[in-house]
Amino acid sequence: MKKIELKTQITVFESLEELSNAAKNLMGKAIEAKQNAYAPYSNFKVGAAFLLEDGTIVTGNNQENAAYPSGMCAERVAIWKVSSEYPNHKILKLAISASSATQITKEPVAPCGACRQTLSEYELKQKDKIEIYFMGEVGKVIKTDSLLDLLPIAFDKSFL
């Protein structure tokens, strides 16, 4: 038996104000997208914004359904929009913002497991890292240099 240690490096910004102008602008688009989320059941809204290599910003937000498994997370709404409308564009960055109607979300909210797996498909497909910034409603912003920092042992097409 052999133990292998996995390490992930993240950058923690104390607030939006510490971000570069480009990252701050992208997070602003995620915050705007969050406002249009359809979340009548969880009252938890999430917005996502992708920056493509040509400067295009593509957004998405969570969409709930009374049959809970039928809803969709903001990150997957947005990535599939990127894939369907800009299939040959490289993705540079993703910003995510989340908030609750019942409390102030102070801690950064990372993508769920299903979103991590879906996003990893596109990072691996383009053979280049996607920077990810995520936050709650207020407070700290976490940045990873790659989606695979959040999913270090990813399932991919090599297993099929």
C-alpha atoms as a PDB file:
ATOM      1  CA  MET A   1       0.000   0.000   0.000  1.00  0.00           C
ATOM      2  CA  LYS A   2       1.106   3.527  -0.748  1.00  0.00           C
ATOM      3  CA  LYS A   3      -0.404   6.798   0.448  1.00  0.00           C
ATOM      4  CA  ILE A   4      -0.447   9.744  -1.908  1.00  0.00           C
ATOM      5  CA  GLU A   5      -1.027  13.243  -0.628  1.00  0.00           C
ATOM      6  CA  LEU A   6      -3.040  15.603  -2.821  1.00  0.00           C
ATOM      7  CA  LYS A   7      -2.646  19.340  -2.356  1.00  0.00           C
ATOM      8  CA  THR A   8      -4.768  22.149  -3.671  1.00  0.00           C
ATOM      9  CA  GLN A   9      -3.679  25.733  -3.650  1.00  0.00           C
ATOM     10  CA  ILE A  10      -6.289  28.483  -3.500  1.00  0.00           C
ATOM     11  CA  THR A  11      -6.106  32.250  -3.274  1.00  0.00           C
ATOM     12  CA  VAL A  12      -8.392  33.953  -0.771  1.00  0.00           C
ATOM     13  CA  PHE A  13      -9.343  37.585  -1.333  1.00  0.00           C
ATOM     14  CA  GLU A  14     -10.883  39.372   1.652  1.00  0.00           C
ATOM     15  CA  SER A  15     -13.419  41.155  -0.579  1.00  0.00           C
ATOM     16  CA  LEU A  16     -14.359  41.949  -4.162  1.00  0.00           C
ATOM     17  CA  GLU A  17     -12.265  45.101  -3.928  1.00  0.00           C
ATOM     18  CA  GLU A  18      -9.049  43.034  -3.943  1.00  0.00           C
ATOM     19  CA  LEU A  19      -9.846  41.441  -7.320  1.00  0.00           C
ATOM     20  CA  SER A  20      -8.431  42.676 -10.608  1.00  0.00           C
ATOM     21  CA  ASN A  21     -10.817  44.863 -12.591  1.00  0.00           C
ATOM     22  CA  ALA A  22     -11.449  42.007 -15.045  1.00  0.00           C
ATOM     23  CA  ALA A  23     -12.289  39.529 -12.265  1.00  0.00           C
ATOM     24  CA  LYS A  24     -14.412  42.123 -10.448  1.00  0.00           C
ATOM     25  CA  ASN A  25     -16.358  42.804 -13.655  1.00  0.00           C
ATOM     26  CA  LEU A  26     -16.927  39.080 -14.227  1.00  0.00           C
ATOM     27  CA  MET A  27     -18.126  38.606 -10.650  1.00  0.00           C
ATOM     28  CA  GLY A  28     -20.445  41.565 -11.166  1.00  0.00           C
ATOM     29  CA  LYS A  29     -22.009  39.708 -14.106  1.00  0.00           C
ATOM     30  CA  ALA A  30     -22.466  36.606 -11.935  1.00  0.00           C
ATOM     31  CA  ILE A  31     -24.142  38.729  -9.256  1.00  0.00           C
ATOM     32  CA  GLU A  32     -26.467  40.242 -11.888  1.00  0.00           C
ATOM     33  CA  ALA A  33     -27.307  36.796 -13.274  1.00  0.00           C
ATOM     34  CA  LYS A  34     -28.103  35.577  -9.765  1.00  0.00           C
ATOM     35  CA  GLN A  35     -30.941  38.095  -9.520  1.00  0.00           C
ATOM     36  CA  ASN A  36     -32.837  36.244 -12.291  1.00  0.00           C
ATOM     37  CA  ALA A  37     -32.480  32.802 -10.737  1.00  0.00           C
ATOM     38  CA  TYR A  38     -35.704  30.832 -10.342  1.00  0.00           C
ATOM     39  CA  ALA A  39     -35.400  29.477  -6.801  1.00  0.00           C
ATOM     40  CA  PRO A  40     -38.865  29.488  -5.172  1.00  0.00           C
ATOM     41  CA  TYR A  41     -38.232  26.256  -3.231  1.00  0.00           C
ATOM     42  CA  SER A  42     -34.744  26.648  -1.784  1.00  0.00           C
ATOM     43  CA  ASN A  43     -34.672  30.469  -1.806  1.00  0.00           C
ATOM     44  CA  PHE A  44     -30.983  30.021  -2.623  1.00  0.00           C
ATOM     45  CA  LYS A  45     -29.950  31.911  -5.741  1.00  0.00           C
ATOM     46  CA  VAL A  46     -26.756  31.305  -7.678  1.00  0.00           C
ATOM     47  CA  GLY A  47     -25.331  33.189 -10.645  1.00  0.00           C
ATOM     48  CA  ALA A  48     -22.451  32.134 -12.882  1.00  0.00           C
ATOM     49  CA  ALA A  49     -20.507  34.045 -15.521  1.00  0.00           C
ATOM     50  CA  PHE A  50     -17.933  32.676 -17.967  1.00  0.00           C
ATOM     51  CA  LEU A  51     -15.325  34.813 -19.708  1.00  0.00           C
ATOM     52  CA  LEU A  52     -14.385  33.499 -23.150  1.00  0.00           C
ATOM     53  CA  GLU A  53     -11.135  34.153 -24.986  1.00  0.00           C
ATOM     54  CA  ASP A  54     -12.714  36.776 -27.264  1.00  0.00           C
ATOM     55  CA  GLY A  55     -14.065  38.773 -24.309  1.00  0.00           C
ATOM     56  CA  THR A  56     -17.606  37.410 -24.510  1.00  0.00           C
ATOM     57  CA  ILE A  57     -19.297  36.890 -21.145  1.00  0.00           C
ATOM     58  CA  VAL A  58     -21.917  34.142 -20.878  1.00  0.00           C
ATOM     59  CA  THR A  59     -24.123  33.930 -17.796  1.00  0.00           C
ATOM     60  CA  GLY A  60     -26.513  31.486 -16.206  1.00  0.00           C
ATOM     61  CA  ASN A  61     -28.444  31.031 -12.977  1.00  0.00           C
ATOM     62  CA  ASN A  62     -30.036  28.189 -11.073  1.00  0.00           C
ATOM     63  CA  GLN A  63     -33.468  27.027 -12.223  1.00  0.00           C
ATOM     64  CA  GLU A  64     -35.563  25.026  -9.781  1.00  0.00           C
ATOM     65  CA  ASN A  65     -38.533  22.757 -10.327  1.00  0.00           C
ATOM     66  CA  ALA A  66     -41.128  21.329  -7.942  1.00  0.00           C
ATOM     67  CA  ALA A  67     -39.673  17.924  -8.856  1.00  0.00           C
ATOM     68  CA  TYR A  68     -36.308  18.726  -7.250  1.00  0.00           C
ATOM     69  CA  PRO A  69     -34.071  16.541  -9.429  1.00  0.00           C
ATOM     70  CA  SER A  70     -35.383  18.380 -12.482  1.00  0.00           C
ATOM     71  CA  GLY A  71     -33.777  21.692 -11.506  1.00  0.00           C
ATOM     72  CA  MET A  72     -30.368  22.830 -12.692  1.00  0.00           C
ATOM     73  CA  CYS A  73     -27.424  24.635 -11.119  1.00  0.00           C
ATOM     74  CA  ALA A  74     -26.230  27.987 -12.459  1.00  0.00           C
ATOM     75  CA  GLU A  75     -22.823  26.643 -13.493  1.00  0.00           C
ATOM     76  CA  ARG A  76     -24.294  23.916 -15.689  1.00  0.00           C
ATOM     77  CA  VAL A  77     -26.893  26.255 -17.197  1.00  0.00           C
ATOM     78  CA  ALA A  78     -24.054  28.608 -18.168  1.00  0.00           C
ATOM     79  CA  ILE A  79     -21.518  26.009 -19.379  1.00  0.00           C
ATOM     80  CA  TRP A  80     -24.071  24.343 -21.636  1.00  0.00           C
ATOM     81  CA  LYS A  81     -24.990  27.759 -23.021  1.00  0.00           C
ATOM     82  CA  VAL A  82     -21.294  28.330 -23.766  1.00  0.00           C
ATOM     83  CA  SER A  83     -21.031  24.923 -25.419  1.00  0.00           C
ATOM     84  CA  SER A  84     -24.157  25.355 -27.527  1.00  0.00           C
ATOM     85  CA  GLU A  85     -23.593  28.967 -28.611  1.00  0.00           C
ATOM     86  CA  TYR A  86     -19.770  29.234 -28.616  1.00  0.00           C
ATOM     87  CA  PRO A  87     -18.558  25.651 -29.172  1.00  0.00           C
ATOM     88  CA  ASN A  88     -15.086  26.555 -30.391  1.00  0.00           C
ATOM     89  CA  HIS A  89     -14.297  29.334 -27.917  1.00  0.00           C
ATOM     90  CA  LYS A  90     -11.798  28.796 -25.150  1.00  0.00           C
ATOM     91  CA  ILE A  91     -13.071  29.498 -21.619  1.00  0.00           C
ATOM     92  CA  LEU A  92     -10.722  31.611 -19.515  1.00  0.00           C
ATOM     93  CA  LYS A  93     -12.555  32.263 -16.248  1.00  0.00           C
ATOM     94  CA  LEU A  94     -15.691  31.452 -14.284  1.00  0.00           C
ATOM     95  CA  ALA A  95     -17.205  33.588 -11.508  1.00  0.00           C
ATOM     96  CA  ILE A  96     -19.905  32.298  -9.142  1.00  0.00           C
ATOM     97  CA  SER A  97     -21.963  34.174  -6.564  1.00  0.00           C
ATOM     98  CA  ALA A  98     -24.632  32.717  -4.262  1.00  0.00           C
ATOM     99  CA  SER A  99     -27.095  34.127  -1.755  1.00  0.00           C
ATOM    100  CA  SER A 100     -29.959  32.983   0.428  1.00  0.00           C
ATOM    101  CA  ALA A 101     -33.263  34.732   1.076  1.00  0.00           C
ATOM    102  CA  THR A 102     -33.176  33.510   4.690  1.00  0.00           C
ATOM    103  CA  GLN A 103     -29.689  34.596   5.782  1.00  0.00           C
ATOM    104  CA  ILE A 104     -26.644  36.515   4.574  1.00  0.00           C
ATOM    105  CA  THR A 105     -24.288  34.104   2.816  1.00  0.00           C
ATOM    106  CA  LYS A 106     -20.872  35.189   4.117  1.00  0.00           C
ATOM    107  CA  GLU A 107     -18.786  32.174   3.116  1.00  0.00           C
ATOM    108  CA  PRO A 108     -17.725  31.447  -0.483  1.00  0.00           C
ATOM    109  CA  VAL A 109     -19.958  28.861  -2.161  1.00  0.00           C
ATOM    110  CA  ALA A 110     -18.057  26.422  -4.387  1.00  0.00           C
ATOM    111  CA  PRO A 111     -19.622  24.445  -7.256  1.00  0.00           C
ATOM    112  CA  CYS A 112     -21.430  21.255  -6.220  1.00  0.00           C
ATOM    113  CA  GLY A 113     -20.012  17.859  -7.161  1.00  0.00           C
ATOM    114  CA  ALA A 114     -22.157  17.469 -10.285  1.00  0.00           C
ATOM    115  CA  CYS A 115     -21.070  20.898 -11.511  1.00  0.00           C
ATOM    116  CA  ARG A 116     -17.416  20.118 -10.812  1.00  0.00           C
ATOM    117  CA  GLN A 117     -17.665  16.961 -12.898  1.00  0.00           C
ATOM    118  CA  THR A 118     -19.446  18.778 -15.739  1.00  0.00           C
ATOM    119  CA  LEU A 119     -17.019  21.702 -15.708  1.00  0.00           C
ATOM    120  CA  SER A 120     -14.038  19.338 -15.692  1.00  0.00           C
ATOM    121  CA  GLU A 121     -15.243  17.915 -19.024  1.00  0.00           C
ATOM    122  CA  TYR A 122     -14.836  21.314 -20.662  1.00  0.00           C
ATOM    123  CA  GLU A 123     -11.501  22.117 -19.025  1.00  0.00           C
ATOM    124  CA  LEU A 124     -10.115  18.778 -20.206  1.00  0.00           C
ATOM    125  CA  LYS A 125     -11.690  19.222 -23.653  1.00  0.00           C
ATOM    126  CA  GLN A 126     -10.004  22.588 -24.211  1.00  0.00           C
ATOM    127  CA  LYS A 127      -6.723  21.328 -22.717  1.00  0.00           C
ATOM    128  CA  ASP A 128      -6.304  24.548 -20.776  1.00  0.00           C
ATOM    129  CA  LYS A 129      -7.139  25.601 -17.239  1.00  0.00           C
ATOM    130  CA  ILE A 130     -10.217  27.624 -16.289  1.00  0.00           C
ATOM    131  CA  GLU A 131      -9.709  30.054 -13.390  1.00  0.00           C
ATOM    132  CA  ILE A 132     -12.612  29.912 -10.953  1.00  0.00           C
ATOM    133  CA  TYR A 133     -13.688  32.666  -8.568  1.00  0.00           C
ATOM    134  CA  PHE A 134     -16.478  32.007  -6.078  1.00  0.00           C
ATOM    135  CA  MET A 135     -18.124  33.878  -3.246  1.00  0.00           C
ATOM    136  CA  GLY A 136     -21.273  34.081  -1.180  1.00  0.00           C
ATOM    137  CA  GLU A 137     -23.313  37.247  -1.042  1.00  0.00           C
ATOM    138  CA  VAL A 138     -20.640  39.266   0.755  1.00  0.00           C
ATOM    139  CA  GLY A 139     -17.135  38.771   2.060  1.00  0.00           C
ATOM    140  CA  LYS A 140     -14.287  36.620   0.875  1.00  0.00           C
ATOM    141  CA  VAL A 141     -13.709  35.445  -2.684  1.00  0.00           C
ATOM    142  CA  ILE A 142     -11.830  32.218  -3.373  1.00  0.00           C
ATOM    143  CA  LYS A 143      -9.867  31.707  -6.581  1.00  0.00           C
ATOM    144  CA  THR A 144      -8.543  28.447  -7.983  1.00  0.00           C
ATOM    145  CA  ASP A 145      -6.271  28.318 -11.004  1.00  0.00           C
ATOM    146  CA  SER A 146      -8.081  25.291 -12.419  1.00  0.00           C
ATOM    147  CA  LEU A 147     -11.326  23.391 -11.998  1.00  0.00           C
ATOM    148  CA  LEU A 148      -9.217  20.308 -11.342  1.00  0.00           C
ATOM    149  CA  ASP A 149      -7.996  21.999  -8.149  1.00  0.00           C
ATOM    150  CA  LEU A 150     -11.554  21.372  -6.894  1.00  0.00           C
ATOM    151  CA  LEU A 151     -11.788  17.876  -8.387  1.00  0.00           C
ATOM    152  CA  PRO A 152      -8.252  16.444  -8.371  1.00  0.00           C
ATOM    153  CA  ILE A 153      -9.208  12.863  -9.259  1.00  0.00           C
ATOM    154  CA  ALA A 154     -11.692  13.502 -12.047  1.00  0.00           C
ATOM    155  CA  PHE A 155     -13.578  10.931 -14.068  1.00  0.00           C
ATOM    156  CA  ASP A 156     -12.931  11.500 -17.766  1.00  0.00           C
ATOM    157  CA  LYS A 157     -13.196   9.853 -21.169  1.00  0.00           C
ATOM    158  CA  SER A 158     -10.024   7.820 -20.602  1.00  0.00           C
ATOM    159  CA  PHE A 159     -12.071   5.522 -18.333  1.00  0.00           C
ATOM    160  CA  LEU A 160     -14.597   4.702 -21.056  1.00  0.00           C
END
